[in-house]
Amino acid sequence: LFADYPIVCEAFDRPDQKAMLVRELLTQCPDTTVVSGNG
């Protein structure tokens, strides 16, 4: 889904899904910058 995008905004609702996406993006797409929402 996201390998072709240099910036991904994480905007999920559930904390476990947020953590999953951030973890997998940083691991699988190491050159991608993640901007996450929390709180």
Full PDB file with SEQRES, HELIX, SHEET, SSBOND, CRYST1, ORIGX, SCALE, CONECT and MASTER records, all heavy atoms in Angstrom:
SEQRES   1 A   39  LEU PHE ALA ASP TYR PRO ILE VAL CYS GLU ALA PHE ASP          
SEQRES   2 A   39  ARG PRO ASP GLN LYS ALA MET LEU VAL ARG GLU LEU LEU          
SEQRES   3 A   39  THR GLN CYS PRO ASP THR THR VAL VAL SER GLY ASN GLY          
HELIX    1 AA1 PRO A   15  GLN A   28  1                                  14    
SHEET    1 AA1 2 ILE A   7  GLU A  10  0                                        
SHEET    2 AA1 2 THR A  33  SER A  36  1                                        
CRYST1    1.000    1.000    1.000  90.00  90.00  90.00 P 1           1          
ORIGX1      1.000000  0.000000  0.000000        0.00000                         
ORIGX2      0.000000  1.000000  0.000000        0.00000                         
ORIGX3      0.000000  0.000000  1.000000        0.00000                         
SCALE1      1.000000  0.000000  0.000000        0.00000                         
SCALE2      0.000000  1.000000  0.000000        0.00000                         
SCALE3      0.000000  0.000000  1.000000        0.00000                         
ATOM      1  N   LEU A   1       0.812  -1.217   0.000  1.00  0.00           N  
ATOM      2  CA  LEU A   1       0.000   0.000   0.000  1.00  0.00           C  
ATOM      3  C   LEU A   1       0.847   1.269   0.000  1.00  0.00           C  
ATOM      4  O   LEU A   1       0.573   2.216  -0.754  1.00  0.00           O  
ATOM      5  CB  LEU A   1      -0.916   0.013   1.221  1.00  0.00           C  
ATOM      6  CG  LEU A   1      -2.166  -0.864   1.177  1.00  0.00           C  
ATOM      7  CD1 LEU A   1      -2.768  -0.981   2.570  1.00  0.00           C  
ATOM      8  CD2 LEU A   1      -3.178  -0.304   0.191  1.00  0.00           C  
ATOM      9  N   PHE A   2       1.881   1.316   0.847  1.00  0.00           N  
ATOM     10  CA  PHE A   2       2.508   2.592   1.179  1.00  0.00           C  
ATOM     11  C   PHE A   2       3.950   2.776   0.715  1.00  0.00           C  
ATOM     12  O   PHE A   2       4.503   3.871   0.879  1.00  0.00           O  
ATOM     13  CB  PHE A   2       2.452   2.802   2.696  1.00  0.00           C  
ATOM     14  CG  PHE A   2       1.063   2.756   3.264  1.00  0.00           C  
ATOM     15  CD1 PHE A   2       0.667   1.721   4.114  1.00  0.00           C  
ATOM     16  CD2 PHE A   2       0.140   3.733   2.951  1.00  0.00           C  
ATOM     17  CE1 PHE A   2      -0.613   1.676   4.636  1.00  0.00           C  
ATOM     18  CE2 PHE A   2      -1.151   3.702   3.470  1.00  0.00           C  
ATOM     19  CZ  PHE A   2      -1.522   2.668   4.306  1.00  0.00           C  
ATOM     20  N   ALA A   3       4.553   1.758   0.123  1.00  0.00           N  
ATOM     21  CA  ALA A   3       5.983   1.843  -0.207  1.00  0.00           C  
ATOM     22  C   ALA A   3       6.299   2.974  -1.164  1.00  0.00           C  
ATOM     23  O   ALA A   3       7.416   3.515  -1.150  1.00  0.00           O  
ATOM     24  CB  ALA A   3       6.472   0.515  -0.781  1.00  0.00           C  
ATOM     25  N   ASP A   4       5.348   3.381  -2.004  1.00  0.00           N  
ATOM     26  CA  ASP A   4       5.600   4.429  -3.004  1.00  0.00           C  
ATOM     27  C   ASP A   4       5.392   5.839  -2.460  1.00  0.00           C  
ATOM     28  O   ASP A   4       5.542   6.808  -3.215  1.00  0.00           O  
ATOM     29  CB  ASP A   4       4.699   4.223  -4.226  1.00  0.00           C  
ATOM     30  CG  ASP A   4       5.069   2.970  -5.001  1.00  0.00           C  
ATOM     31  OD1 ASP A   4       6.231   2.524  -4.881  1.00  0.00           O  
ATOM     32  OD2 ASP A   4       4.202   2.439  -5.716  1.00  0.00           O  
ATOM     33  N   TYR A   5       5.059   5.955  -1.173  1.00  0.00           N  
ATOM     34  CA  TYR A   5       4.745   7.268  -0.607  1.00  0.00           C  
ATOM     35  C   TYR A   5       5.773   7.661   0.446  1.00  0.00           C  
ATOM     36  O   TYR A   5       5.963   6.950   1.426  1.00  0.00           O  
ATOM     37  CB  TYR A   5       3.327   7.255  -0.007  1.00  0.00           C  
ATOM     38  CG  TYR A   5       2.280   7.210  -1.088  1.00  0.00           C  
ATOM     39  CD1 TYR A   5       1.926   5.991  -1.665  1.00  0.00           C  
ATOM     40  CD2 TYR A   5       1.701   8.367  -1.580  1.00  0.00           C  
ATOM     41  CE1 TYR A   5       1.007   5.932  -2.702  1.00  0.00           C  
ATOM     42  CE2 TYR A   5       0.767   8.316  -2.608  1.00  0.00           C  
ATOM     43  CZ  TYR A   5       0.421   7.103  -3.161  1.00  0.00           C  
ATOM     44  OH  TYR A   5      -0.485   7.053  -4.194  1.00  0.00           O  
ATOM     45  N   PRO A   6       6.440   8.793   0.254  1.00  0.00           N  
ATOM     46  CA  PRO A   6       7.480   9.208   1.198  1.00  0.00           C  
ATOM     47  C   PRO A   6       6.934   9.677   2.540  1.00  0.00           C  
ATOM     48  O   PRO A   6       7.667   9.714   3.526  1.00  0.00           O  
ATOM     49  CB  PRO A   6       8.194  10.342   0.471  1.00  0.00           C  
ATOM     50  CG  PRO A   6       7.187  10.877  -0.492  1.00  0.00           C  
ATOM     51  CD  PRO A   6       6.349   9.708  -0.901  1.00  0.00           C  
ATOM     52  N   ILE A   7       5.640  10.032   2.583  1.00  0.00           N  
ATOM     53  CA  ILE A   7       5.013  10.498   3.826  1.00  0.00           C  
ATOM     54  C   ILE A   7       3.697   9.754   4.011  1.00  0.00           C  
ATOM     55  O   ILE A   7       2.876   9.687   3.089  1.00  0.00           O  
ATOM     56  CB  ILE A   7       4.748  12.011   3.802  1.00  0.00           C  
ATOM     57  CG1 ILE A   7       6.031  12.790   3.533  1.00  0.00           C  
ATOM     58  CG2 ILE A   7       4.115  12.466   5.118  1.00  0.00           C  
ATOM     59  CD1 ILE A   7       5.798  14.269   3.291  1.00  0.00           C  
ATOM     60  N   VAL A   8       3.491   9.203   5.208  1.00  0.00           N  
ATOM     61  CA  VAL A   8       2.225   8.551   5.543  1.00  0.00           C  
ATOM     62  C   VAL A   8       1.681   9.169   6.822  1.00  0.00           C  
ATOM     63  O   VAL A   8       2.382   9.242   7.835  1.00  0.00           O  
ATOM     64  CB  VAL A   8       2.402   7.032   5.751  1.00  0.00           C  
ATOM     65  CG1 VAL A   8       1.081   6.393   6.188  1.00  0.00           C  
ATOM     66  CG2 VAL A   8       2.905   6.371   4.473  1.00  0.00           C  
ATOM     67  N   CYS A   9       0.432   9.600   6.767  1.00  0.00           N  
ATOM     68  CA  CYS A   9      -0.256  10.080   7.965  1.00  0.00           C  
ATOM     69  C   CYS A   9      -1.022   8.920   8.585  1.00  0.00           C  
ATOM     70  O   CYS A   9      -1.931   8.363   7.949  1.00  0.00           O  
ATOM     71  CB  CYS A   9      -1.226  11.207   7.616  1.00  0.00           C  
ATOM     72  SG  CYS A   9      -0.437  12.745   7.134  1.00  0.00           S  
ATOM     73  N   GLU A  10      -0.660   8.555   9.801  1.00  0.00           N  
ATOM     74  CA  GLU A  10      -1.392   7.517  10.537  1.00  0.00           C  
ATOM     75  C   GLU A  10      -2.580   8.177  11.199  1.00  0.00           C  
ATOM     76  O   GLU A  10      -2.428   9.113  11.986  1.00  0.00           O  
ATOM     77  CB  GLU A  10      -0.465   6.871  11.563  1.00  0.00           C  
ATOM     78  CG  GLU A  10      -1.131   5.813  12.425  1.00  0.00           C  
ATOM     79  CD  GLU A  10      -1.975   6.403  13.540  1.00  0.00           C  
ATOM     80  OE1 GLU A  10      -1.452   7.254  14.279  1.00  0.00           O  
ATOM     81  OE2 GLU A  10      -3.164   6.017  13.650  1.00  0.00           O  
ATOM     82  N   ALA A  11      -3.790   7.679  10.904  1.00  0.00           N  
ATOM     83  CA  ALA A  11      -4.997   8.328  11.418  1.00  0.00           C  
ATOM     84  C   ALA A  11      -6.025   7.281  11.836  1.00  0.00           C  
ATOM     85  O   ALA A  11      -7.230   7.468  11.640  1.00  0.00           O  
ATOM     86  CB  ALA A  11      -5.577   9.275  10.360  1.00  0.00           C  
ATOM     87  N   PHE A  12      -5.582   6.182  12.399  1.00  0.00           N  
ATOM     88  CA  PHE A  12      -6.480   5.133  12.859  1.00  0.00           C  
ATOM     89  C   PHE A  12      -7.123   5.522  14.191  1.00  0.00           C  
ATOM     90  O   PHE A  12      -6.673   6.432  14.880  1.00  0.00           O  
ATOM     91  CB  PHE A  12      -5.728   3.810  13.016  1.00  0.00           C  
ATOM     92  CG  PHE A  12      -5.368   3.152  11.711  1.00  0.00           C  
ATOM     93  CD1 PHE A  12      -4.389   2.173  11.669  1.00  0.00           C  
ATOM     94  CD2 PHE A  12      -6.005   3.495  10.542  1.00  0.00           C  
ATOM     95  CE1 PHE A  12      -4.060   1.546  10.479  1.00  0.00           C  
ATOM     96  CE2 PHE A  12      -5.680   2.887   9.341  1.00  0.00           C  
ATOM     97  CZ  PHE A  12      -4.706   1.913   9.303  1.00  0.00           C  
ATOM     98  N   ASP A  13      -8.156   4.767  14.563  1.00  0.00           N  
ATOM     99  CA  ASP A  13      -8.875   5.011  15.808  1.00  0.00           C  
ATOM    100  C   ASP A  13      -8.287   4.223  16.980  1.00  0.00           C  
ATOM    101  O   ASP A  13      -8.041   4.771  18.050  1.00  0.00           O  
ATOM    102  CB  ASP A  13     -10.361   4.644  15.659  1.00  0.00           C  
ATOM    103  CG  ASP A  13     -11.088   5.570  14.702  1.00  0.00           C  
ATOM    104  OD1 ASP A  13     -10.684   6.739  14.588  1.00  0.00           O  
ATOM    105  OD2 ASP A  13     -12.058   5.117  14.068  1.00  0.00           O  
ATOM    106  N   ARG A  14      -8.086   2.925  16.775  1.00  0.00           N  
ATOM    107  CA  ARG A  14      -7.706   2.042  17.881  1.00  0.00           C  
ATOM    108  C   ARG A  14      -6.213   2.093  18.158  1.00  0.00           C  
ATOM    109  O   ARG A  14      -5.392   2.065  17.236  1.00  0.00           O  
ATOM    110  CB  ARG A  14      -8.123   0.617  17.546  1.00  0.00           C  
ATOM    111  CG  ARG A  14      -9.611   0.391  17.583  1.00  0.00           C  
ATOM    112  CD  ARG A  14      -9.994  -0.964  17.006  1.00  0.00           C  
ATOM    113  NE  ARG A  14      -9.062  -2.028  17.355  1.00  0.00           N  
ATOM    114  CZ  ARG A  14      -9.124  -3.254  16.829  1.00  0.00           C  
ATOM    115  NH1 ARG A  14     -10.057  -3.543  15.940  1.00  0.00           N  
ATOM    116  NH2 ARG A  14      -8.237  -4.174  17.189  1.00  0.00           N  
ATOM    117  N   PRO A  15      -5.819   2.149  19.439  1.00  0.00           N  
ATOM    118  CA  PRO A  15      -4.398   2.204  19.791  1.00  0.00           C  
ATOM    119  C   PRO A  15      -3.590   1.031  19.231  1.00  0.00           C  
ATOM    120  O   PRO A  15      -2.453   1.212  18.793  1.00  0.00           O  
ATOM    121  CB  PRO A  15      -4.411   2.180  21.321  1.00  0.00           C  
ATOM    122  CG  PRO A  15      -5.730   2.758  21.701  1.00  0.00           C  
ATOM    123  CD  PRO A  15      -6.679   2.299  20.641  1.00  0.00           C  
ATOM    124  N   ASP A  16      -4.164  -0.181  19.233  1.00  0.00           N  
ATOM    125  CA  ASP A  16      -3.406  -1.324  18.725  1.00  0.00           C  
ATOM    126  C   ASP A  16      -3.162  -1.217  17.228  1.00  0.00           C  
ATOM    127  O   ASP A  16      -2.092  -1.604  16.725  1.00  0.00           O  
ATOM    128  CB  ASP A  16      -4.116  -2.637  19.071  1.00  0.00           C  
ATOM    129  CG  ASP A  16      -5.501  -2.743  18.458  1.00  0.00           C  
ATOM    130  OD1 ASP A  16      -6.176  -1.704  18.308  1.00  0.00           O  
ATOM    131  OD2 ASP A  16      -5.922  -3.872  18.126  1.00  0.00           O  
ATOM    132  N   GLN A  17      -4.146  -0.673  16.508  1.00  0.00           N  
ATOM    133  CA  GLN A  17      -3.971  -0.499  15.068  1.00  0.00           C  
ATOM    134  C   GLN A  17      -2.973   0.618  14.760  1.00  0.00           C  
ATOM    135  O   GLN A  17      -2.186   0.533  13.807  1.00  0.00           O  
ATOM    136  CB  GLN A  17      -5.316  -0.209  14.407  1.00  0.00           C  
ATOM    137  CG  GLN A  17      -6.274  -1.381  14.416  1.00  0.00           C  
ATOM    138  CD  GLN A  17      -5.721  -2.565  13.644  1.00  0.00           C  
ATOM    139  OE1 GLN A  17      -5.408  -2.466  12.470  1.00  0.00           O  
ATOM    140  NE2 GLN A  17      -5.581  -3.705  14.322  1.00  0.00           N  
ATOM    141  N   LYS A  18      -3.003   1.675  15.571  1.00  0.00           N  
ATOM    142  CA  LYS A  18      -2.014   2.742  15.417  1.00  0.00           C  
ATOM    143  C   LYS A  18      -0.601   2.192  15.593  1.00  0.00           C  
ATOM    144  O   LYS A  18       0.292   2.446  14.784  1.00  0.00           O  
ATOM    145  CB  LYS A  18      -2.272   3.851  16.453  1.00  0.00           C  
ATOM    146  CG  LYS A  18      -3.482   4.729  16.180  1.00  0.00           C  
ATOM    147  CD  LYS A  18      -3.674   5.714  17.324  1.00  0.00           C  
ATOM    148  CE  LYS A  18      -4.719   6.745  17.009  1.00  0.00           C  
ATOM    149  NZ  LYS A  18      -4.278   7.693  15.971  1.00  0.00           N  
ATOM    150  N   ALA A  19      -0.417   1.439  16.675  1.00  0.00           N  
ATOM    151  CA  ALA A  19       0.907   0.892  16.972  1.00  0.00           C  
ATOM    152  C   ALA A  19       1.357  -0.063  15.870  1.00  0.00           C  
ATOM    153  O   ALA A  19       2.535  -0.064  15.470  1.00  0.00           O  
ATOM    154  CB  ALA A  19       0.877   0.177  18.323  1.00  0.00           C  
ATOM    155  N   MET A  20       0.420  -0.882  15.367  1.00  0.00           N  
ATOM    156  CA  MET A  20       0.759  -1.826  14.301  1.00  0.00           C  
ATOM    157  C   MET A  20       1.246  -1.092  13.066  1.00  0.00           C  
ATOM    158  O   MET A  20       2.292  -1.429  12.491  1.00  0.00           O  
ATOM    159  CB  MET A  20      -0.461  -2.680  13.955  1.00  0.00           C  
ATOM    160  CG  MET A  20      -0.233  -3.683  12.814  1.00  0.00           C  
ATOM    161  SD  MET A  20      -0.415  -2.987  11.124  1.00  0.00           S  
ATOM    162  CE  MET A  20      -2.175  -2.586  11.113  1.00  0.00           C  
ATOM    163  N   LEU A  21       0.506  -0.060  12.641  1.00  0.00           N  
ATOM    164  CA  LEU A  21       0.874   0.640  11.407  1.00  0.00           C  
ATOM    165  C   LEU A  21       2.213   1.356  11.547  1.00  0.00           C  
ATOM    166  O   LEU A  21       3.067   1.282  10.657  1.00  0.00           O  
ATOM    167  CB  LEU A  21      -0.216   1.626  11.005  1.00  0.00           C  
ATOM    168  CG  LEU A  21       0.072   2.393   9.709  1.00  0.00           C  
ATOM    169  CD1 LEU A  21       0.275   1.446   8.542  1.00  0.00           C  
ATOM    170  CD2 LEU A  21      -1.037   3.394   9.411  1.00  0.00           C  
ATOM    171  N   VAL A  22       2.403   2.047  12.665  1.00  0.00           N  
ATOM    172  CA  VAL A  22       3.673   2.748  12.870  1.00  0.00           C  
ATOM    173  C   VAL A  22       4.824   1.757  12.868  1.00  0.00           C  
ATOM    174  O   VAL A  22       5.848   1.971  12.202  1.00  0.00           O  
ATOM    175  CB  VAL A  22       3.635   3.559  14.187  1.00  0.00           C  
ATOM    176  CG1 VAL A  22       5.028   4.083  14.527  1.00  0.00           C  
ATOM    177  CG2 VAL A  22       2.646   4.714  14.070  1.00  0.00           C  
ATOM    178  N   ARG A  23       4.664   0.674  13.591  1.00  0.00           N  
ATOM    179  CA  ARG A  23       5.730  -0.347  13.662  1.00  0.00           C  
ATOM    180  C   ARG A  23       6.052  -0.910  12.284  1.00  0.00           C  
ATOM    181  O   ARG A  23       7.217  -0.994  11.873  1.00  0.00           O  
ATOM    182  CB  ARG A  23       5.293  -1.465  14.596  1.00  0.00           C  
ATOM    183  CG  ARG A  23       6.333  -2.577  14.752  1.00  0.00           C  
ATOM    184  CD  ARG A  23       5.795  -3.731  15.571  1.00  0.00           C  
ATOM    185  NE  ARG A  23       4.730  -4.451  14.884  1.00  0.00           N  
ATOM    186  CZ  ARG A  23       3.470  -4.495  15.308  1.00  0.00           C  
ATOM    187  NH1 ARG A  23       3.100  -3.861  16.411  1.00  0.00           N  
ATOM    188  NH2 ARG A  23       2.549  -5.165  14.624  1.00  0.00           N  
ATOM    189  N   GLU A  24       5.014  -1.274  11.538  1.00  0.00           N  
ATOM    190  CA  GLU A  24       5.238  -1.912  10.237  1.00  0.00           C  
ATOM    191  C   GLU A  24       5.785  -0.932   9.213  1.00  0.00           C  
ATOM    192  O   GLU A  24       6.622  -1.295   8.376  1.00  0.00           O  
ATOM    193  CB  GLU A  24       3.933  -2.547   9.735  1.00  0.00           C  
ATOM    194  CG  GLU A  24       3.407  -3.661  10.616  1.00  0.00           C  
ATOM    195  CD  GLU A  24       4.400  -4.814  10.776  1.00  0.00           C  
ATOM    196  OE1 GLU A  24       5.178  -5.075   9.837  1.00  0.00           O  
ATOM    197  OE2 GLU A  24       4.396  -5.451  11.850  1.00  0.00           O  
ATOM    198  N   LEU A  25       5.349   0.311   9.254  1.00  0.00           N  
ATOM    199  CA  LEU A  25       5.891   1.305   8.326  1.00  0.00           C  
ATOM    200  C   LEU A  25       7.369   1.551   8.590  1.00  0.00           C  
ATOM    201  O   LEU A  25       8.180   1.597   7.654  1.00  0.00           O  
ATOM    202  CB  LEU A  25       5.115   2.617   8.444  1.00  0.00           C  
ATOM    203  CG  LEU A  25       3.743   2.659   7.776  1.00  0.00           C  
ATOM    204  CD1 LEU A  25       2.992   3.927   8.186  1.00  0.00           C  
ATOM    205  CD2 LEU A  25       3.874   2.598   6.256  1.00  0.00           C  
ATOM    206  N   LEU A  26       7.733   1.707   9.857  1.00  0.00           N  
ATOM    207  CA  LEU A  26       9.135   1.967  10.187  1.00  0.00           C  
ATOM    208  C   LEU A  26      10.014   0.771   9.843  1.00  0.00           C  
ATOM    209  O   LEU A  26      11.194   0.935   9.501  1.00  0.00           O  
ATOM    210  CB  LEU A  26       9.266   2.320  11.660  1.00  0.00           C  
ATOM    211  CG  LEU A  26       8.610   3.644  12.100  1.00  0.00           C  
ATOM    212  CD1 LEU A  26       8.751   3.834  13.604  1.00  0.00           C  
ATOM    213  CD2 LEU A  26       9.198   4.835  11.353  1.00  0.00           C  
ATOM    214  N   THR A  27       9.430  -0.422   9.895  1.00  0.00           N  
ATOM    215  CA  THR A  27      10.197  -1.635   9.605  1.00  0.00           C  
ATOM    216  C   THR A  27      10.234  -1.946   8.110  1.00  0.00           C  
ATOM    217  O   THR A  27      11.300  -2.185   7.536  1.00  0.00           O  
ATOM    218  CB  THR A  27       9.600  -2.839  10.358  1.00  0.00           C  
ATOM    219  OG1 THR A  27       9.601  -2.566  11.758  1.00  0.00           O  
ATOM    220  CG2 THR A  27      10.402  -4.097  10.094  1.00  0.00           C  
ATOM    221  N   GLN A  28       9.065  -1.920   7.475  1.00  0.00           N  
ATOM    222  CA  GLN A  28       8.970  -2.340   6.076  1.00  0.00           C  
ATOM    223  C   GLN A  28       9.271  -1.219   5.089  1.00  0.00           C  
ATOM    224  O   GLN A  28       9.654  -1.492   3.943  1.00  0.00           O  
ATOM    225  CB  GLN A  28       7.573  -2.904   5.793  1.00  0.00           C  
ATOM    226  CG  GLN A  28       7.204  -4.125   6.606  1.00  0.00           C  
ATOM    227  CD  GLN A  28       5.902  -4.736   6.140  1.00  0.00           C  
ATOM    228  OE1 GLN A  28       5.618  -4.833   4.947  1.00  0.00           O  
ATOM    229  NE2 GLN A  28       5.076  -5.155   7.100  1.00  0.00           N  
ATOM    230  N   CYS A  29       9.063   0.023   5.500  1.00  0.00           N  
ATOM    231  CA  CYS A  29       9.285   1.177   4.616  1.00  0.00           C  
ATOM    232  C   CYS A  29      10.217   2.150   5.352  1.00  0.00           C  
ATOM    233  O   CYS A  29       9.788   3.240   5.774  1.00  0.00           O  
ATOM    234  CB  CYS A  29       7.971   1.859   4.268  1.00  0.00           C  
ATOM    235  SG  CYS A  29       6.702   0.743   3.600  1.00  0.00           S  
ATOM    236  N   PRO A  30      11.484   1.787   5.528  1.00  0.00           N  
ATOM    237  CA  PRO A  30      12.381   2.550   6.406  1.00  0.00           C  
ATOM    238  C   PRO A  30      12.674   3.971   5.950  1.00  0.00           C  
ATOM    239  O   PRO A  30      13.116   4.780   6.757  1.00  0.00           O  
ATOM    240  CB  PRO A  30      13.655   1.696   6.425  1.00  0.00           C  
ATOM    241  CG  PRO A  30      13.593   0.876   5.179  1.00  0.00           C  
ATOM    242  CD  PRO A  30      12.140   0.603   4.953  1.00  0.00           C  
ATOM    243  N   ASP A  31      12.411   4.288   4.690  1.00  0.00           N  
ATOM    244  CA  ASP A  31      12.649   5.650   4.202  1.00  0.00           C  
ATOM    245  C   ASP A  31      11.410   6.531   4.282  1.00  0.00           C  
ATOM    246  O   ASP A  31      11.467   7.714   3.935  1.00  0.00           O  
ATOM    247  CB  ASP A  31      13.154   5.606   2.754  1.00  0.00           C  
ATOM    248  CG  ASP A  31      14.524   4.947   2.645  1.00  0.00           C  
ATOM    249  OD1 ASP A  31      15.317   5.090   3.595  1.00  0.00           O  
ATOM    250  OD2 ASP A  31      14.784   4.282   1.624  1.00  0.00           O  
ATOM    251  N   THR A  32      10.300   5.946   4.716  1.00  0.00           N  
ATOM    252  CA  THR A  32       9.041   6.691   4.809  1.00  0.00           C  
ATOM    253  C   THR A  32       8.962   7.438   6.133  1.00  0.00           C  
ATOM    254  O   THR A  32       9.302   6.903   7.183  1.00  0.00           O  
ATOM    255  CB  THR A  32       7.850   5.723   4.686  1.00  0.00           C  
ATOM    256  OG1 THR A  32       7.845   5.150   3.379  1.00  0.00           O  
ATOM    257  CG2 THR A  32       6.523   6.447   4.919  1.00  0.00           C  
ATOM    258  N   THR A  33       8.507   8.672   6.063  1.00  0.00           N  
ATOM    259  CA  THR A  33       8.267   9.462   7.274  1.00  0.00           C  
ATOM    260  C   THR A  33       6.822   9.268   7.711  1.00  0.00           C  
ATOM    261  O   THR A  33       5.894   9.409   6.912  1.00  0.00           O  
ATOM    262  CB  THR A  33       8.535  10.950   7.029  1.00  0.00           C  
ATOM    263  OG1 THR A  33       9.928  11.130   6.739  1.00  0.00           O  
ATOM    264  CG2 THR A  33       8.174  11.788   8.253  1.00  0.00           C  
ATOM    265  N   VAL A  34       6.627   8.927   8.977  1.00  0.00           N  
ATOM    266  CA  VAL A  34       5.297   8.671   9.534  1.00  0.00           C  
ATOM    267  C   VAL A  34       4.899   9.843  10.421  1.00  0.00           C  
ATOM    268  O   VAL A  34       5.651  10.246  11.314  1.00  0.00           O  
ATOM    269  CB  VAL A  34       5.282   7.368  10.350  1.00  0.00           C  
ATOM    270  CG1 VAL A  34       3.880   7.087  10.880  1.00  0.00           C  
ATOM    271  CG2 VAL A  34       5.792   6.205   9.503  1.00  0.00           C  
ATOM    272  N   VAL A  35       3.700  10.385  10.190  1.00  0.00           N  
ATOM    273  CA  VAL A  35       3.137  11.442  11.025  1.00  0.00           C  
ATOM    274  C   VAL A  35       1.886  10.869  11.679  1.00  0.00           C  
ATOM    275  O   VAL A  35       0.872  10.637  11.016  1.00  0.00           O  
ATOM    276  CB  VAL A  35       2.804  12.700  10.203  1.00  0.00           C  
ATOM    277  CG1 VAL A  35       2.293  13.816  11.131  1.00  0.00           C  
ATOM    278  CG2 VAL A  35       4.020  13.176   9.416  1.00  0.00           C  
ATOM    279  N   SER A  36       1.972  10.632  12.979  1.00  0.00           N  
ATOM    280  CA  SER A  36       0.928   9.909  13.702  1.00  0.00           C  
ATOM    281  C   SER A  36       0.146  10.843  14.621  1.00  0.00           C  
ATOM    282  O   SER A  36       0.661  11.863  15.076  1.00  0.00           O  
ATOM    283  CB  SER A  36       1.576   8.786  14.529  1.00  0.00           C  
ATOM    284  OG  SER A  36       0.616   8.078  15.282  1.00  0.00           O  
ATOM    285  N   GLY A  37      -1.108  10.467  14.893  1.00  0.00           N  
ATOM    286  CA  GLY A  37      -1.940  11.224  15.825  1.00  0.00           C  
ATOM    287  C   GLY A  37      -2.159  10.440  17.100  1.00  0.00           C  
ATOM    288  O   GLY A  37      -2.505   9.260  17.055  1.00  0.00           O  
ATOM    289  N   ASN A  38      -1.985  11.104  18.260  1.00  0.00           N  
ATOM    290  CA  ASN A  38      -2.112  10.391  19.535  1.00  0.00           C  
ATOM    291  C   ASN A  38      -2.516  11.376  20.626  1.00  0.00           C  
ATOM    292  O   ASN A  38      -1.704  12.171  21.090  1.00  0.00           O  
ATOM    293  CB  ASN A  38      -0.787   9.721  19.894  1.00  0.00           C  
ATOM    294  CG  ASN A  38      -0.872   8.915  21.182  1.00  0.00           C  
ATOM    295  OD1 ASN A  38      -1.914   8.846  21.819  1.00  0.00           O  
ATOM    296  ND2 ASN A  38       0.234   8.313  21.562  1.00  0.00           N  
ATOM    297  N   GLY A  39      -3.804  11.330  21.018  1.00  0.00           N  
ATOM    298  CA  GLY A  39      -4.286  12.175  22.116  1.00  0.00           C  
ATOM    299  C   GLY A  39      -4.957  13.436  21.633  1.00  0.00           C  
ATOM    300  O   GLY A  39      -4.306  14.463  21.491  1.00  0.00           O  
TER     301      GLY A  39                                                      
MASTER        0    0    0    1    2    0    0    6  300    1    0    3          
END                                                                             
